[in-house]
Each structure stands twice: as C-alpha cells, then as structure tokens.
N, C-alpha and C. Protein backbone atom coordinates (compact mmCIF):
# COMPACT_ATOMS: atom_id res chain seq x y z
N MET A 1 0.85 -1.20 0.00
CA MET A 1 0.00 0.00 0.00
C MET A 1 0.88 1.25 0.00
N VAL A 2 0.45 2.20 -0.78
CA VAL A 2 1.11 3.50 -0.81
C VAL A 2 0.06 4.53 -0.46
N GLY A 3 0.28 5.25 0.64
CA GLY A 3 -0.67 6.28 1.04
C GLY A 3 -2.09 5.75 1.21
N GLY A 4 -2.24 4.51 1.64
CA GLY A 4 -3.56 3.94 1.84
C GLY A 4 -4.21 3.37 0.59
N ILE A 5 -3.47 3.37 -0.53
CA ILE A 5 -4.02 2.84 -1.78
C ILE A 5 -3.36 1.49 -2.07
N ALA A 6 -4.17 0.48 -2.31
CA ALA A 6 -3.67 -0.87 -2.56
C ALA A 6 -2.83 -0.89 -3.84
N GLN A 7 -1.84 -1.77 -3.89
CA GLN A 7 -0.96 -1.88 -5.05
C GLN A 7 -1.73 -2.19 -6.32
N MET A 8 -2.79 -3.02 -6.21
CA MET A 8 -3.59 -3.35 -7.38
C MET A 8 -4.22 -2.09 -7.97
N ALA A 9 -4.72 -1.21 -7.11
CA ALA A 9 -5.32 0.05 -7.56
C ALA A 9 -4.27 0.96 -8.18
N LEU A 10 -3.08 1.03 -7.57
CA LEU A 10 -2.00 1.84 -8.13
C LEU A 10 -1.59 1.36 -9.52
N THR A 11 -1.50 0.05 -9.68
CA THR A 11 -1.15 -0.52 -10.99
C THR A 11 -2.22 -0.16 -12.02
N LEU A 12 -3.47 -0.27 -11.62
CA LEU A 12 -4.58 0.07 -12.51
C LEU A 12 -4.52 1.55 -12.91
N ILE A 13 -4.32 2.42 -11.93
CA ILE A 13 -4.26 3.86 -12.18
C ILE A 13 -3.09 4.17 -13.11
N GLU A 14 -1.95 3.58 -12.87
CA GLU A 14 -0.78 3.80 -13.71
C GLU A 14 -1.04 3.38 -15.16
N GLY A 15 -1.71 2.27 -15.35
CA GLY A 15 -1.99 1.77 -16.70
C GLY A 15 -2.99 2.63 -17.46
N LEU A 16 -3.80 3.40 -16.74
CA LEU A 16 -4.81 4.24 -17.38
C LEU A 16 -4.31 5.64 -17.72
N GLN A 17 -3.09 5.96 -17.34
CA GLN A 17 -2.56 7.31 -17.58
C GLN A 17 -2.39 7.59 -19.07
N PRO A 18 -2.74 8.80 -19.52
CA PRO A 18 -2.61 9.14 -20.93
C PRO A 18 -1.18 8.98 -21.49
N TYR A 19 -0.17 9.22 -20.66
CA TYR A 19 1.20 9.11 -21.18
C TYR A 19 1.57 7.68 -21.55
N GLN A 20 0.74 6.72 -21.16
CA GLN A 20 0.99 5.33 -21.53
C GLN A 20 0.56 5.05 -22.98
N SER A 21 -0.23 5.95 -23.57
CA SER A 21 -0.70 5.73 -24.95
C SER A 21 0.33 6.25 -25.94
N PRO A 22 0.27 5.79 -27.20
CA PRO A 22 1.24 6.23 -28.21
C PRO A 22 1.23 7.75 -28.43
N ASP A 23 0.07 8.38 -28.33
CA ASP A 23 -0.03 9.82 -28.52
C ASP A 23 -0.85 10.40 -27.37
N PRO A 24 -0.19 10.78 -26.26
CA PRO A 24 -0.91 11.21 -25.07
C PRO A 24 -1.88 12.37 -25.30
N TRP A 25 -1.58 13.27 -26.23
CA TRP A 25 -2.45 14.43 -26.42
C TRP A 25 -3.76 14.06 -27.11
N THR A 26 -3.79 12.96 -27.85
CA THR A 26 -5.04 12.55 -28.46
C THR A 26 -5.80 11.55 -27.60
N HIS A 27 -5.17 11.07 -26.54
CA HIS A 27 -5.86 10.21 -25.57
C HIS A 27 -6.96 11.05 -24.93
N PRO A 28 -8.17 10.52 -24.81
CA PRO A 28 -9.28 11.33 -24.28
C PRO A 28 -8.98 11.98 -22.93
N LEU A 29 -8.31 11.27 -22.02
CA LEU A 29 -8.01 11.86 -20.72
C LEU A 29 -6.90 12.90 -20.83
N GLY A 30 -5.99 12.74 -21.80
CA GLY A 30 -4.97 13.76 -22.05
C GLY A 30 -5.60 15.03 -22.59
N LEU A 31 -6.56 14.87 -23.47
CA LEU A 31 -7.27 16.03 -24.02
C LEU A 31 -8.09 16.72 -22.92
N LEU A 32 -8.75 15.93 -22.08
CA LEU A 32 -9.49 16.50 -20.95
C LEU A 32 -8.56 17.27 -20.03
N ASP A 33 -7.39 16.72 -19.76
CA ASP A 33 -6.40 17.39 -18.92
C ASP A 33 -6.01 18.73 -19.53
N HIS A 34 -5.74 18.72 -20.83
CA HIS A 34 -5.36 19.96 -21.51
C HIS A 34 -6.48 21.00 -21.44
N LEU A 35 -7.71 20.58 -21.75
CA LEU A 35 -8.83 21.53 -21.72
C LEU A 35 -9.07 22.07 -20.32
N ALA A 36 -8.98 21.21 -19.31
CA ALA A 36 -9.22 21.64 -17.93
C ALA A 36 -8.11 22.59 -17.46
N ASN A 37 -6.85 22.26 -17.73
CA ASN A 37 -5.75 23.12 -17.30
C ASN A 37 -5.77 24.46 -18.02
N THR A 38 -6.08 24.43 -19.30
CA THR A 38 -6.15 25.68 -20.06
C THR A 38 -7.24 26.56 -19.48
N ASP A 39 -8.38 25.95 -19.15
CA ASP A 39 -9.49 26.71 -18.60
C ASP A 39 -9.14 27.25 -17.21
N LYS A 40 -8.50 26.42 -16.37
CA LYS A 40 -8.16 26.85 -15.01
C LYS A 40 -7.21 28.04 -15.02
N HIS A 41 -6.33 28.08 -15.99
CA HIS A 41 -5.34 29.14 -16.04
C HIS A 41 -5.80 30.33 -16.88
N ARG A 42 -7.08 30.33 -17.22
CA ARG A 42 -7.75 31.45 -17.87
C ARG A 42 -7.29 31.76 -19.29
N PHE A 43 -6.77 30.78 -19.98
CA PHE A 43 -6.47 30.95 -21.39
C PHE A 43 -7.67 30.44 -22.17
N LEU A 44 -7.97 31.08 -23.27
CA LEU A 44 -9.07 30.60 -24.10
C LEU A 44 -8.63 29.34 -24.83
N ASN A 45 -9.49 28.34 -24.84
CA ASN A 45 -9.23 27.15 -25.64
C ASN A 45 -9.43 27.54 -27.10
N VAL A 46 -8.49 27.14 -27.93
CA VAL A 46 -8.58 27.48 -29.35
C VAL A 46 -9.65 26.61 -29.99
N THR A 47 -10.65 27.26 -30.53
CA THR A 47 -11.71 26.54 -31.24
C THR A 47 -11.98 27.25 -32.56
N ALA A 48 -12.59 26.55 -33.43
CA ALA A 48 -12.97 27.11 -34.73
C ALA A 48 -14.18 26.35 -35.22
N VAL A 49 -14.89 26.94 -36.12
CA VAL A 49 -15.97 26.22 -36.80
C VAL A 49 -15.39 25.79 -38.14
N ALA A 50 -15.49 24.51 -38.43
CA ALA A 50 -14.90 23.98 -39.65
C ALA A 50 -15.93 23.22 -40.46
N LEU A 51 -15.76 23.24 -41.76
CA LEU A 51 -16.58 22.44 -42.66
C LEU A 51 -16.07 21.01 -42.59
N VAL A 52 -16.93 20.08 -42.21
CA VAL A 52 -16.50 18.69 -42.06
C VAL A 52 -17.08 17.75 -43.11
N ASP A 53 -18.12 18.20 -43.82
CA ASP A 53 -18.71 17.34 -44.83
C ASP A 53 -19.54 18.21 -45.78
N ALA A 54 -19.60 17.80 -47.03
CA ALA A 54 -20.40 18.55 -48.01
C ALA A 54 -20.96 17.58 -49.04
N GLU A 55 -22.12 17.94 -49.58
CA GLU A 55 -22.75 17.12 -50.60
C GLU A 55 -23.54 18.06 -51.52
N THR A 56 -23.44 17.82 -52.81
CA THR A 56 -24.18 18.62 -53.79
C THR A 56 -25.16 17.71 -54.51
N ARG A 57 -26.41 18.16 -54.64
CA ARG A 57 -27.42 17.42 -55.39
C ARG A 57 -27.85 18.28 -56.58
N LEU A 58 -27.75 17.70 -57.76
CA LEU A 58 -28.20 18.36 -59.00
C LEU A 58 -29.36 17.55 -59.55
N PHE A 59 -30.47 18.21 -59.85
CA PHE A 59 -31.60 17.48 -60.40
C PHE A 59 -32.41 18.38 -61.32
N THR A 60 -33.21 17.75 -62.16
CA THR A 60 -34.00 18.49 -63.15
C THR A 60 -35.48 18.40 -62.81
N ASP A 61 -36.26 19.22 -63.49
CA ASP A 61 -37.72 19.16 -63.34
C ASP A 61 -38.24 17.79 -63.76
N GLY A 62 -37.54 17.13 -64.67
CA GLY A 62 -37.95 15.82 -65.16
C GLY A 62 -37.66 14.69 -64.20
N GLY A 63 -37.01 14.97 -63.08
CA GLY A 63 -36.77 13.94 -62.07
C GLY A 63 -35.39 13.33 -62.09
N GLY A 64 -34.62 13.52 -63.16
CA GLY A 64 -33.28 12.96 -63.20
C GLY A 64 -32.32 13.80 -62.36
N GLY A 65 -31.25 13.19 -61.92
CA GLY A 65 -30.29 13.96 -61.16
C GLY A 65 -29.18 13.11 -60.59
N ILE A 66 -28.24 13.77 -59.96
CA ILE A 66 -27.12 13.08 -59.32
C ILE A 66 -26.83 13.73 -57.98
N THR A 67 -26.22 12.95 -57.10
CA THR A 67 -25.74 13.45 -55.82
C THR A 67 -24.23 13.23 -55.80
N VAL A 68 -23.52 14.29 -55.48
CA VAL A 68 -22.06 14.22 -55.47
C VAL A 68 -21.57 14.49 -54.05
N PRO A 69 -21.04 13.47 -53.36
CA PRO A 69 -20.48 13.73 -52.03
C PRO A 69 -19.08 14.34 -52.17
N TRP A 70 -18.74 15.20 -51.26
CA TRP A 70 -17.42 15.83 -51.25
C TRP A 70 -16.84 15.65 -49.85
N PRO A 71 -16.31 14.45 -49.56
CA PRO A 71 -15.82 14.20 -48.20
C PRO A 71 -14.62 15.06 -47.86
N GLY A 72 -14.59 15.52 -46.61
CA GLY A 72 -13.48 16.37 -46.12
C GLY A 72 -12.30 15.51 -45.74
N PRO A 73 -11.30 16.04 -45.11
CA PRO A 73 -11.26 17.41 -44.61
C PRO A 73 -10.97 18.40 -45.72
N TYR A 74 -11.25 19.65 -45.44
CA TYR A 74 -11.09 20.70 -46.42
C TYR A 74 -10.02 21.68 -45.97
N GLU A 75 -9.22 22.10 -46.90
CA GLU A 75 -8.23 23.14 -46.63
C GLU A 75 -8.88 24.49 -46.85
N ASP A 76 -8.34 25.52 -46.24
CA ASP A 76 -8.85 26.87 -46.43
C ASP A 76 -8.80 27.24 -47.90
N GLY A 77 -9.90 27.72 -48.43
CA GLY A 77 -9.97 28.13 -49.82
C GLY A 77 -10.21 27.00 -50.81
N ALA A 78 -10.45 25.78 -50.33
CA ALA A 78 -10.63 24.63 -51.22
C ALA A 78 -11.96 24.72 -51.98
N VAL A 79 -11.96 24.22 -53.21
CA VAL A 79 -13.20 24.10 -53.98
C VAL A 79 -13.90 22.84 -53.47
N ILE A 80 -15.14 22.98 -53.03
CA ILE A 80 -15.83 21.81 -52.48
C ILE A 80 -16.82 21.21 -53.46
N SER A 81 -17.09 21.89 -54.56
CA SER A 81 -18.00 21.33 -55.54
C SER A 81 -17.75 21.96 -56.90
N ALA A 82 -17.54 21.12 -57.88
CA ALA A 82 -17.41 21.57 -59.27
C ALA A 82 -17.90 20.42 -60.13
N THR A 83 -19.12 20.52 -60.62
CA THR A 83 -19.71 19.43 -61.38
C THR A 83 -20.15 19.93 -62.75
N PRO A 84 -19.58 19.36 -63.81
CA PRO A 84 -20.05 19.77 -65.14
C PRO A 84 -21.46 19.21 -65.38
N TRP A 85 -22.31 19.98 -66.01
CA TRP A 85 -23.68 19.55 -66.25
C TRP A 85 -24.03 19.94 -67.68
N ALA A 86 -24.16 18.99 -68.55
CA ALA A 86 -24.51 19.26 -69.94
C ALA A 86 -26.01 19.05 -70.09
N MET A 87 -26.70 20.07 -70.51
CA MET A 87 -28.16 19.98 -70.68
C MET A 87 -28.49 19.73 -72.14
N ILE A 88 -29.37 18.79 -72.38
CA ILE A 88 -29.83 18.51 -73.73
C ILE A 88 -30.97 19.46 -74.09
N ASP A 89 -31.86 19.70 -73.16
CA ASP A 89 -33.02 20.56 -73.42
C ASP A 89 -32.94 21.78 -72.50
N PRO A 90 -32.69 22.95 -73.04
CA PRO A 90 -32.56 24.14 -72.20
C PRO A 90 -33.86 24.54 -71.51
N GLU A 91 -34.99 23.95 -71.89
CA GLU A 91 -36.27 24.28 -71.26
C GLU A 91 -36.46 23.56 -69.92
N ILE A 92 -35.67 22.53 -69.69
CA ILE A 92 -35.79 21.77 -68.44
C ILE A 92 -35.04 22.54 -67.34
N GLY A 93 -35.72 22.78 -66.25
CA GLY A 93 -35.10 23.49 -65.13
C GLY A 93 -34.11 22.61 -64.39
N VAL A 94 -32.99 23.18 -64.02
CA VAL A 94 -31.97 22.48 -63.24
C VAL A 94 -31.93 23.11 -61.86
N HIS A 95 -31.90 22.28 -60.84
CA HIS A 95 -31.87 22.75 -59.46
C HIS A 95 -30.62 22.22 -58.77
N VAL A 96 -30.07 23.02 -57.92
CA VAL A 96 -28.88 22.63 -57.17
C VAL A 96 -29.17 22.81 -55.69
N GLU A 97 -28.90 21.77 -54.93
CA GLU A 97 -28.99 21.84 -53.47
C GLU A 97 -27.64 21.45 -52.91
N ALA A 98 -27.21 22.14 -51.92
CA ALA A 98 -25.94 21.81 -51.27
C ALA A 98 -26.20 21.64 -49.78
N GLU A 99 -25.57 20.65 -49.21
CA GLU A 99 -25.66 20.43 -47.77
C GLU A 99 -24.24 20.50 -47.21
N LEU A 100 -24.02 21.41 -46.31
CA LEU A 100 -22.72 21.60 -45.70
C LEU A 100 -22.85 21.32 -44.21
N THR A 101 -21.97 20.51 -43.68
CA THR A 101 -21.98 20.18 -42.26
C THR A 101 -20.76 20.82 -41.60
N THR A 102 -21.02 21.57 -40.55
CA THR A 102 -19.92 22.21 -39.83
C THR A 102 -19.84 21.63 -38.42
N ALA A 103 -18.72 21.85 -37.78
CA ALA A 103 -18.53 21.39 -36.41
C ALA A 103 -17.62 22.37 -35.69
N VAL A 104 -17.84 22.50 -34.38
CA VAL A 104 -16.91 23.27 -33.55
C VAL A 104 -15.72 22.37 -33.30
N MET A 105 -14.54 22.90 -33.59
CA MET A 105 -13.32 22.10 -33.49
C MET A 105 -12.48 22.57 -32.30
N VAL A 106 -11.76 21.63 -31.69
CA VAL A 106 -10.86 21.92 -30.59
C VAL A 106 -9.46 21.54 -31.03
N GLU A 107 -8.52 22.43 -30.77
CA GLU A 107 -7.14 22.17 -31.17
C GLU A 107 -6.50 21.14 -30.25
N ILE A 108 -5.76 20.20 -30.85
CA ILE A 108 -5.00 19.22 -30.06
C ILE A 108 -3.68 19.89 -29.70
N PRO A 109 -3.32 19.92 -28.44
CA PRO A 109 -2.10 20.62 -28.04
C PRO A 109 -0.86 20.09 -28.73
N GLY A 110 0.00 21.00 -29.12
CA GLY A 110 1.26 20.61 -29.74
C GLY A 110 1.13 20.15 -31.18
N GLN A 111 -0.05 20.24 -31.75
CA GLN A 111 -0.27 19.80 -33.13
C GLN A 111 -1.04 20.88 -33.88
N THR A 112 -1.03 20.78 -35.18
CA THR A 112 -1.79 21.74 -35.98
C THR A 112 -3.18 21.22 -36.31
N ARG A 113 -3.48 19.97 -35.95
CA ARG A 113 -4.79 19.44 -36.30
C ARG A 113 -5.79 19.69 -35.19
N GLN A 114 -7.05 19.66 -35.58
CA GLN A 114 -8.14 19.87 -34.65
C GLN A 114 -9.11 18.69 -34.75
N VAL A 115 -9.88 18.50 -33.69
CA VAL A 115 -10.90 17.45 -33.68
C VAL A 115 -12.24 18.10 -33.33
N PRO A 116 -13.34 17.52 -33.81
CA PRO A 116 -14.66 18.06 -33.44
C PRO A 116 -14.89 17.96 -31.94
N LEU A 117 -15.42 19.02 -31.35
CA LEU A 117 -15.67 19.05 -29.91
C LEU A 117 -16.62 17.93 -29.51
N THR A 118 -17.64 17.65 -30.32
CA THR A 118 -18.57 16.57 -29.96
C THR A 118 -17.85 15.24 -29.88
N TRP A 119 -16.92 14.97 -30.83
CA TRP A 119 -16.13 13.74 -30.79
C TRP A 119 -15.31 13.70 -29.51
N ALA A 120 -14.65 14.82 -29.18
CA ALA A 120 -13.80 14.86 -27.99
C ALA A 120 -14.62 14.57 -26.74
N LEU A 121 -15.80 15.16 -26.63
CA LEU A 121 -16.63 14.94 -25.44
C LEU A 121 -17.12 13.49 -25.35
N VAL A 122 -17.49 12.90 -26.47
CA VAL A 122 -17.92 11.49 -26.47
C VAL A 122 -16.75 10.60 -26.05
N GLU A 123 -15.57 10.85 -26.60
CA GLU A 123 -14.39 10.04 -26.26
C GLU A 123 -14.00 10.21 -24.80
N ILE A 124 -14.06 11.44 -24.28
CA ILE A 124 -13.75 11.68 -22.87
C ILE A 124 -14.75 10.93 -21.99
N GLY A 125 -16.03 11.01 -22.32
CA GLY A 125 -17.04 10.29 -21.54
C GLY A 125 -16.82 8.79 -21.56
N ALA A 126 -16.47 8.24 -22.73
CA ALA A 126 -16.21 6.80 -22.84
C ALA A 126 -14.98 6.41 -22.03
N ALA A 127 -13.95 7.26 -22.04
CA ALA A 127 -12.73 6.96 -21.28
C ALA A 127 -13.03 6.97 -19.78
N ILE A 128 -13.81 7.93 -19.34
CA ILE A 128 -14.17 7.98 -17.91
C ILE A 128 -14.98 6.75 -17.53
N GLU A 129 -15.88 6.34 -18.40
CA GLU A 129 -16.68 5.14 -18.13
C GLU A 129 -15.78 3.90 -18.02
N ARG A 130 -14.77 3.80 -18.91
CA ARG A 130 -13.83 2.66 -18.83
C ARG A 130 -13.05 2.68 -17.52
N VAL A 131 -12.64 3.87 -17.08
CA VAL A 131 -11.92 3.98 -15.82
C VAL A 131 -12.80 3.52 -14.67
N LEU A 132 -14.04 4.00 -14.64
CA LEU A 132 -14.96 3.60 -13.56
C LEU A 132 -15.24 2.10 -13.60
N ASP A 133 -15.37 1.53 -14.78
CA ASP A 133 -15.57 0.08 -14.90
C ASP A 133 -14.40 -0.67 -14.32
N CYS A 134 -13.20 -0.18 -14.55
CA CYS A 134 -12.00 -0.84 -14.00
C CYS A 134 -12.03 -0.83 -12.49
N PHE A 135 -12.46 0.26 -11.90
CA PHE A 135 -12.51 0.34 -10.44
C PHE A 135 -13.64 -0.51 -9.86
N ASP A 136 -14.68 -0.73 -10.64
CA ASP A 136 -15.74 -1.62 -10.19
C ASP A 136 -15.19 -3.01 -9.87
N THR A 137 -14.23 -3.46 -10.68
CA THR A 137 -13.66 -4.79 -10.46
C THR A 137 -12.85 -4.84 -9.17
N LEU A 138 -12.34 -3.70 -8.72
CA LEU A 138 -11.56 -3.68 -7.48
C LEU A 138 -12.44 -3.64 -6.23
N PHE A 139 -13.56 -2.96 -6.32
CA PHE A 139 -14.33 -2.70 -5.11
C PHE A 139 -15.66 -3.44 -5.04
N PHE A 140 -16.13 -3.97 -6.14
CA PHE A 140 -17.45 -4.62 -6.10
C PHE A 140 -17.39 -6.03 -6.61
C-alpha cells in the first residue's frame, strides 16, 4: 500500500494514464487534462468552426439527377464542388442543393490538427466510463 491505496489500484491507475498511450495528447483523458488546465489558467481554448462534410445534389424538373459527395477534410480556400452539367433541353429546369456540415473544433495541443468538440466529449465520456468500470472490479 502506498498512502492507503492498494498496489492493485496503483497498478490500474498507472496503466490508465494518458502518457501510456502512443499519442498522449489525443488520448481522451490527455485532451481532458489539456482543456481543464487551459481553462483553469484562464487561457481561451482554441476553437474554430470547420466544414467537415459537403454534398451537392443536381436534379431536373424531369426527375433525373445526381448526388455528389465531397468528403473532407477541407483546406482553407478549397473548392468543395465543381460538377459539369450538360443539358440537352434548355427548357428543363436544373436545381442545385448543397448540404454543408460544420462542427466546432478543438485544437489538439502541440499539433496543428483539430478534432470536433462533440467527438472529444464522447471520447472523454467513454474513457471515464472505462476507468470507472475498472474500479468496479476492485471494489465490487
């Protein structure tokens, strides 16, 4: 026992530490640590709204049409849709619908990439659940 904590619990706690993973900053608990410490020290967490998915639908009054997915990620200034459309009959109306999906992104510390905040929160919640499940085996 160390400080009243059984060795089995210490081993479990040590194995769950983010630094044990290949990339500690992308480990959900490492990301939670970063977000919590940044918040505690009154620095703004870097966030952005990013385009994460796009789809263009082209269709005619006659019912024909196509859907073109444009999977991300997207770079700043990227063209997200360019579809040639040759019309045989100029009297047929052509309609274009675009669906763009955005997400609030959180910067991963020490990296230039960002992850969607919703993904980060789901992963953090799942990691906490796994930690609690591990402790269930020790105490119940």
